[in-house]
Amino acid sequence: MSKPEKKLFLLDAFALIYRAHFAFSKNPRINSKGMNTSAVFGFMNSLLEILRKEKPTHIGVAFD
């Protein structure tokens, strides 16, 4: 009987946050209180897409 394949993803959180911030700079995501949530929105979309498509068994996120 073979062991299930393990899949590890390591994410550079600040790189994703930085990219998301500037990706939405022309059309920022603003919440009901007027706060710009573009960076959080972009980061979470990236994270959820990786979880959905790649189905990792382990994930590490580095905030340096």
PDB file of N, CA and C in Angstrom:
ATOM      1  N   MET A   1       0.850  -1.175   0.000  1.00  0.00           N
ATOM      2  CA  MET A   1       0.000   0.000   0.000  1.00  0.00           C
ATOM      3  C   MET A   1       0.899   1.243   0.000  1.00  0.00           C
ATOM      4  N   SER A   2       0.664   2.146  -0.928  1.00  0.00           N
ATOM      5  CA  SER A   2       1.502   3.355  -1.017  1.00  0.00           C
ATOM      6  C   SER A   2       0.915   4.478  -0.157  1.00  0.00           C
ATOM      7  N   LYS A   3       1.816   5.329   0.306  1.00  0.00           N
ATOM      8  CA  LYS A   3       1.393   6.471   1.118  1.00  0.00           C
ATOM      9  C   LYS A   3       0.838   7.557   0.212  1.00  0.00           C
ATOM     10  N   PRO A   4      -0.132   8.325   0.701  1.00  0.00           N
ATOM     11  CA  PRO A   4      -0.659   9.421  -0.122  1.00  0.00           C
ATOM     12  C   PRO A   4       0.423  10.470  -0.370  1.00  0.00           C
ATOM     13  N   GLU A   5       0.394  11.066  -1.544  1.00  0.00           N
ATOM     14  CA  GLU A   5       1.373  12.088  -1.911  1.00  0.00           C
ATOM     15  C   GLU A   5       1.131  13.355  -1.097  1.00  0.00           C
ATOM     16  N   LYS A   6       2.218  13.886  -0.552  1.00  0.00           N
ATOM     17  CA  LYS A   6       2.134  15.126   0.205  1.00  0.00           C
ATOM     18  C   LYS A   6       2.544  16.283  -0.687  1.00  0.00           C
ATOM     19  N   LYS A   7       1.876  17.414  -0.522  1.00  0.00           N
ATOM     20  CA  LYS A   7       2.171  18.582  -1.333  1.00  0.00           C
ATOM     21  C   LYS A   7       2.279  19.790  -0.417  1.00  0.00           C
ATOM     22  N   LEU A   8       3.450  20.429  -0.435  1.00  0.00           N
ATOM     23  CA  LEU A   8       3.726  21.597   0.399  1.00  0.00           C
ATOM     24  C   LEU A   8       3.787  22.845  -0.462  1.00  0.00           C
ATOM     25  N   PHE A   9       3.107  23.900  -0.034  1.00  0.00           N
ATOM     26  CA  PHE A   9       3.198  25.203  -0.682  1.00  0.00           C
ATOM     27  C   PHE A   9       3.720  26.200   0.328  1.00  0.00           C
ATOM     28  N   LEU A  10       4.708  26.975  -0.089  1.00  0.00           N
ATOM     29  CA  LEU A  10       5.255  28.055   0.732  1.00  0.00           C
ATOM     30  C   LEU A  10       4.945  29.370   0.029  1.00  0.00           C
ATOM     31  N   LEU A  11       4.321  30.282   0.757  1.00  0.00           N
ATOM     32  CA  LEU A  11       3.926  31.565   0.161  1.00  0.00           C
ATOM     33  C   LEU A  11       4.666  32.720   0.817  1.00  0.00           C
ATOM     34  N   ASP A  12       5.092  33.663  -0.006  1.00  0.00           N
ATOM     35  CA  ASP A  12       5.690  34.906   0.466  1.00  0.00           C
ATOM     36  C   ASP A  12       4.537  35.905   0.577  1.00  0.00           C
ATOM     37  N   ALA A  13       4.018  36.079   1.780  1.00  0.00           N
ATOM     38  CA  ALA A  13       2.818  36.875   1.996  1.00  0.00           C
ATOM     39  C   ALA A  13       2.987  38.322   1.555  1.00  0.00           C
ATOM     40  N   PHE A  14       4.101  38.949   1.921  1.00  0.00           N
ATOM     41  CA  PHE A  14       4.257  40.359   1.581  1.00  0.00           C
ATOM     42  C   PHE A  14       4.398  40.574   0.077  1.00  0.00           C
ATOM     43  N   ALA A  15       4.972  39.617  -0.649  1.00  0.00           N
ATOM     44  CA  ALA A  15       5.036  39.735  -2.104  1.00  0.00           C
ATOM     45  C   ALA A  15       3.623  39.701  -2.696  1.00  0.00           C
ATOM     46  N   LEU A  16       2.782  38.801  -2.193  1.00  0.00           N
ATOM     47  CA  LEU A  16       1.402  38.727  -2.675  1.00  0.00           C
ATOM     48  C   LEU A  16       0.604  39.972  -2.292  1.00  0.00           C
ATOM     49  N   ILE A  17       0.807  40.467  -1.079  1.00  0.00           N
ATOM     50  CA  ILE A  17       0.105  41.667  -0.614  1.00  0.00           C
ATOM     51  C   ILE A  17       0.525  42.880  -1.439  1.00  0.00           C
ATOM     52  N   TYR A  18       1.818  43.029  -1.672  1.00  0.00           N
ATOM     53  CA  TYR A  18       2.345  44.150  -2.457  1.00  0.00           C
ATOM     54  C   TYR A  18       1.775  44.115  -3.874  1.00  0.00           C
ATOM     55  N   ARG A  19       1.805  42.930  -4.477  1.00  0.00           N
ATOM     56  CA  ARG A  19       1.275  42.777  -5.835  1.00  0.00           C
ATOM     57  C   ARG A  19      -0.215  43.109  -5.892  1.00  0.00           C
ATOM     58  N   ALA A  20      -0.962  42.624  -4.912  1.00  0.00           N
ATOM     59  CA  ALA A  20      -2.409  42.873  -4.884  1.00  0.00           C
ATOM     60  C   ALA A  20      -2.712  44.352  -4.694  1.00  0.00           C
ATOM     61  N   HIS A  21      -1.949  45.015  -3.841  1.00  0.00           N
ATOM     62  CA  HIS A  21      -2.170  46.449  -3.597  1.00  0.00           C
ATOM     63  C   HIS A  21      -2.077  47.241  -4.899  1.00  0.00           C
ATOM     64  N   PHE A  22      -1.035  46.974  -5.687  1.00  0.00           N
ATOM     65  CA  PHE A  22      -0.851  47.724  -6.927  1.00  0.00           C
ATOM     66  C   PHE A  22      -1.723  47.215  -8.065  1.00  0.00           C
ATOM     67  N   ALA A  23      -2.149  45.978  -8.003  1.00  0.00           N
ATOM     68  CA  ALA A  23      -3.046  45.449  -9.033  1.00  0.00           C
ATOM     69  C   ALA A  23      -4.397  46.162  -9.003  1.00  0.00           C
ATOM     70  N   PHE A  24      -4.807  46.588  -7.825  1.00  0.00           N
ATOM     71  CA  PHE A  24      -6.101  47.260  -7.690  1.00  0.00           C
ATOM     72  C   PHE A  24      -5.954  48.771  -7.482  1.00  0.00           C
ATOM     73  N   SER A  25      -4.788  49.339  -7.800  1.00  0.00           N
ATOM     74  CA  SER A  25      -4.563  50.761  -7.524  1.00  0.00           C
ATOM     75  C   SER A  25      -5.480  51.675  -8.338  1.00  0.00           C
ATOM     76  N   LYS A  26      -5.835  51.287  -9.554  1.00  0.00           N
ATOM     77  CA  LYS A  26      -6.729  52.121 -10.371  1.00  0.00           C
ATOM     78  C   LYS A  26      -8.197  51.915 -10.013  1.00  0.00           C
ATOM     79  N   ASN A  27      -8.510  50.770  -9.429  1.00  0.00           N
ATOM     80  CA  ASN A  27      -9.889  50.452  -9.052  1.00  0.00           C
ATOM     81  C   ASN A  27      -9.866  49.760  -7.692  1.00  0.00           C
ATOM     82  N   PRO A  28      -9.579  50.513  -6.609  1.00  0.00           N
ATOM     83  CA  PRO A  28      -9.422  49.885  -5.291  1.00  0.00           C
ATOM     84  C   PRO A  28     -10.723  49.293  -4.759  1.00  0.00           C
ATOM     85  N   ARG A  29     -10.551  48.278  -3.932  1.00  0.00           N
ATOM     86  CA  ARG A  29     -11.686  47.652  -3.245  1.00  0.00           C
ATOM     87  C   ARG A  29     -11.883  48.396  -1.925  1.00  0.00           C
ATOM     88  N   ILE A  30     -13.024  49.025  -1.780  1.00  0.00           N
ATOM     89  CA  ILE A  30     -13.322  49.842  -0.606  1.00  0.00           C
ATOM     90  C   ILE A  30     -14.480  49.189   0.149  1.00  0.00           C
ATOM     91  N   ASN A  31     -14.326  49.035   1.485  1.00  0.00           N
ATOM     92  CA  ASN A  31     -15.415  48.440   2.261  1.00  0.00           C
ATOM     93  C   ASN A  31     -16.436  49.513   2.661  1.00  0.00           C
ATOM     94  N   SER A  32     -17.450  49.128   3.389  1.00  0.00           N
ATOM     95  CA  SER A  32     -18.538  50.040   3.754  1.00  0.00           C
ATOM     96  C   SER A  32     -18.092  51.172   4.674  1.00  0.00           C
ATOM     97  N   LYS A  33     -16.940  51.023   5.328  1.00  0.00           N
ATOM     98  CA  LYS A  33     -16.420  52.067   6.211  1.00  0.00           C
ATOM     99  C   LYS A  33     -15.395  52.955   5.514  1.00  0.00           C
ATOM    100  N   GLY A  34     -15.196  52.745   4.211  1.00  0.00           N
ATOM    101  CA  GLY A  34     -14.280  53.564   3.441  1.00  0.00           C
ATOM    102  C   GLY A  34     -12.834  53.106   3.465  1.00  0.00           C
ATOM    103  N   MET A  35     -12.569  51.940   4.023  1.00  0.00           N
ATOM    104  CA  MET A  35     -11.204  51.432   4.124  1.00  0.00           C
ATOM    105  C   MET A  35     -10.833  50.652   2.854  1.00  0.00           C
ATOM    106  N   ASN A  36      -9.634  50.910   2.345  1.00  0.00           N
ATOM    107  CA  ASN A  36      -9.136  50.202   1.178  1.00  0.00           C
ATOM    108  C   ASN A  36      -8.743  48.778   1.595  1.00  0.00           C
ATOM    109  N   THR A  37      -9.423  47.808   1.023  1.00  0.00           N
ATOM    110  CA  THR A  37      -9.174  46.404   1.354  1.00  0.00           C
ATOM    111  C   THR A  37      -8.576  45.633   0.176  1.00  0.00           C
ATOM    112  N   SER A  38      -7.995  46.337  -0.782  1.00  0.00           N
ATOM    113  CA  SER A  38      -7.452  45.711  -1.990  1.00  0.00           C
ATOM    114  C   SER A  38      -6.388  44.668  -1.679  1.00  0.00           C
ATOM    115  N   ALA A  39      -5.463  44.994  -0.785  1.00  0.00           N
ATOM    116  CA  ALA A  39      -4.369  44.077  -0.479  1.00  0.00           C
ATOM    117  C   ALA A  39      -4.890  42.790   0.163  1.00  0.00           C
ATOM    118  N   VAL A  40      -5.812  42.925   1.097  1.00  0.00           N
ATOM    119  CA  VAL A  40      -6.388  41.747   1.760  1.00  0.00           C
ATOM    120  C   VAL A  40      -7.195  40.921   0.762  1.00  0.00           C
ATOM    121  N   PHE A  41      -7.980  41.598  -0.047  1.00  0.00           N
ATOM    122  CA  PHE A  41      -8.801  40.935  -1.059  1.00  0.00           C
ATOM    123  C   PHE A  41      -7.926  40.132  -2.024  1.00  0.00           C
ATOM    124  N   GLY A  42      -6.873  40.756  -2.542  1.00  0.00           N
ATOM    125  CA  GLY A  42      -5.979  40.091  -3.484  1.00  0.00           C
ATOM    126  C   GLY A  42      -5.230  38.928  -2.860  1.00  0.00           C
ATOM    127  N   PHE A  43      -4.742  39.123  -1.635  1.00  0.00           N
ATOM    128  CA  PHE A  43      -4.024  38.057  -0.937  1.00  0.00           C
ATOM    129  C   PHE A  43      -4.936  36.849  -0.711  1.00  0.00           C
ATOM    130  N   MET A  44      -6.121  37.095  -0.219  1.00  0.00           N
ATOM    131  CA  MET A  44      -7.048  35.994   0.053  1.00  0.00           C
ATOM    132  C   MET A  44      -7.484  35.290  -1.228  1.00  0.00           C
ATOM    133  N   ASN A  45      -7.687  36.043  -2.304  1.00  0.00           N
ATOM    134  CA  ASN A  45      -8.028  35.404  -3.578  1.00  0.00           C
ATOM    135  C   ASN A  45      -6.913  34.472  -4.033  1.00  0.00           C
ATOM    136  N   SER A  46      -5.664  34.919  -3.910  1.00  0.00           N
ATOM    137  CA  SER A  46      -4.524  34.081  -4.287  1.00  0.00           C
ATOM    138  C   SER A  46      -4.457  32.823  -3.424  1.00  0.00           C
ATOM    139  N   LEU A  47      -4.600  32.996  -2.114  1.00  0.00           N
ATOM    140  CA  LEU A  47      -4.551  31.868  -1.191  1.00  0.00           C
ATOM    141  C   LEU A  47      -5.672  30.869  -1.477  1.00  0.00           C
ATOM    142  N   LEU A  48      -6.884  31.349  -1.643  1.00  0.00           N
ATOM    143  CA  LEU A  48      -8.019  30.461  -1.903  1.00  0.00           C
ATOM    144  C   LEU A  48      -7.889  29.743  -3.242  1.00  0.00           C
ATOM    145  N   GLU A  49      -7.330  30.426  -4.236  1.00  0.00           N
ATOM    146  CA  GLU A  49      -7.131  29.791  -5.541  1.00  0.00           C
ATOM    147  C   GLU A  49      -6.121  28.642  -5.438  1.00  0.00           C
ATOM    148  N   ILE A  50      -5.046  28.860  -4.713  1.00  0.00           N
ATOM    149  CA  ILE A  50      -4.050  27.798  -4.514  1.00  0.00           C
ATOM    150  C   ILE A  50      -4.675  26.619  -3.776  1.00  0.00           C
ATOM    151  N   LEU A  51      -5.423  26.894  -2.721  1.00  0.00           N
ATOM    152  CA  LEU A  51      -6.069  25.815  -1.964  1.00  0.00           C
ATOM    153  C   LEU A  51      -7.053  25.035  -2.833  1.00  0.00           C
ATOM    154  N   ARG A  52      -7.814  25.748  -3.641  1.00  0.00           N
ATOM    155  CA  ARG A  52      -8.840  25.110  -4.479  1.00  0.00           C
ATOM    156  C   ARG A  52      -8.225  24.306  -5.630  1.00  0.00           C
ATOM    157  N   LYS A  53      -7.255  24.896  -6.328  1.00  0.00           N
ATOM    158  CA  LYS A  53      -6.701  24.252  -7.516  1.00  0.00           C
ATOM    159  C   LYS A  53      -5.634  23.205  -7.203  1.00  0.00           C
ATOM    160  N   GLU A  54      -4.774  23.497  -6.262  1.00  0.00           N
ATOM    161  CA  GLU A  54      -3.626  22.626  -6.001  1.00  0.00           C
ATOM    162  C   GLU A  54      -3.860  21.608  -4.891  1.00  0.00           C
ATOM    163  N   LYS A  55      -4.805  21.883  -4.000  1.00  0.00           N
ATOM    164  CA  LYS A  55      -5.148  20.993  -2.893  1.00  0.00           C
ATOM    165  C   LYS A  55      -3.913  20.530  -2.101  1.00  0.00           C
ATOM    166  N   PRO A  56      -3.160  21.500  -1.549  1.00  0.00           N
ATOM    167  CA  PRO A  56      -1.955  21.111  -0.799  1.00  0.00           C
ATOM    168  C   PRO A  56      -2.325  20.396   0.503  1.00  0.00           C
ATOM    169  N   THR A  57      -1.435  19.499   0.943  1.00  0.00           N
ATOM    170  CA  THR A  57      -1.632  18.853   2.231  1.00  0.00           C
ATOM    171  C   THR A  57      -1.042  19.724   3.344  1.00  0.00           C
ATOM    172  N   HIS A  58      -0.079  20.577   2.969  1.00  0.00           N
ATOM    173  CA  HIS A  58       0.561  21.476   3.919  1.00  0.00           C
ATOM    174  C   HIS A  58       0.770  22.834   3.263  1.00  0.00           C
ATOM    175  N   ILE A  59       0.702  23.894   4.040  1.00  0.00           N
ATOM    176  CA  ILE A  59       0.937  25.234   3.521  1.00  0.00           C
ATOM    177  C   ILE A  59       1.649  26.057   4.574  1.00  0.00           C
ATOM    178  N   GLY A  60       2.615  26.838   4.123  1.00  0.00           N
ATOM    179  CA  GLY A  60       3.335  27.757   5.001  1.00  0.00           C
ATOM    180  C   GLY A  60       3.266  29.148   4.400  1.00  0.00           C
ATOM    181  N   VAL A  61       3.019  30.137   5.249  1.00  0.00           N
ATOM    182  CA  VAL A  61       2.939  31.525   4.794  1.00  0.00           C
ATOM    183  C   VAL A  61       3.927  32.337   5.626  1.00  0.00           C
ATOM    184  N   ALA A  62       4.879  32.963   4.942  1.00  0.00           N
ATOM    185  CA  ALA A  62       5.902  33.750   5.619  1.00  0.00           C
ATOM    186  C   ALA A  62       5.590  35.238   5.512  1.00  0.00           C
ATOM    187  N   PHE A  63       5.541  35.903   6.660  1.00  0.00           N
ATOM    188  CA  PHE A  63       5.397  37.353   6.730  1.00  0.00           C
ATOM    189  C   PHE A  63       6.712  37.868   7.267  1.00  0.00           C
ATOM    190  N   ASP A  64       7.603  38.328   6.370  1.00  0.00           N
ATOM    191  CA  ASP A  64       8.930  38.756   6.820  1.00  0.00           C
ATOM    192  C   ASP A  64       9.024  40.237   7.071  1.00  0.00           C
TER     193      ASP A  64
END
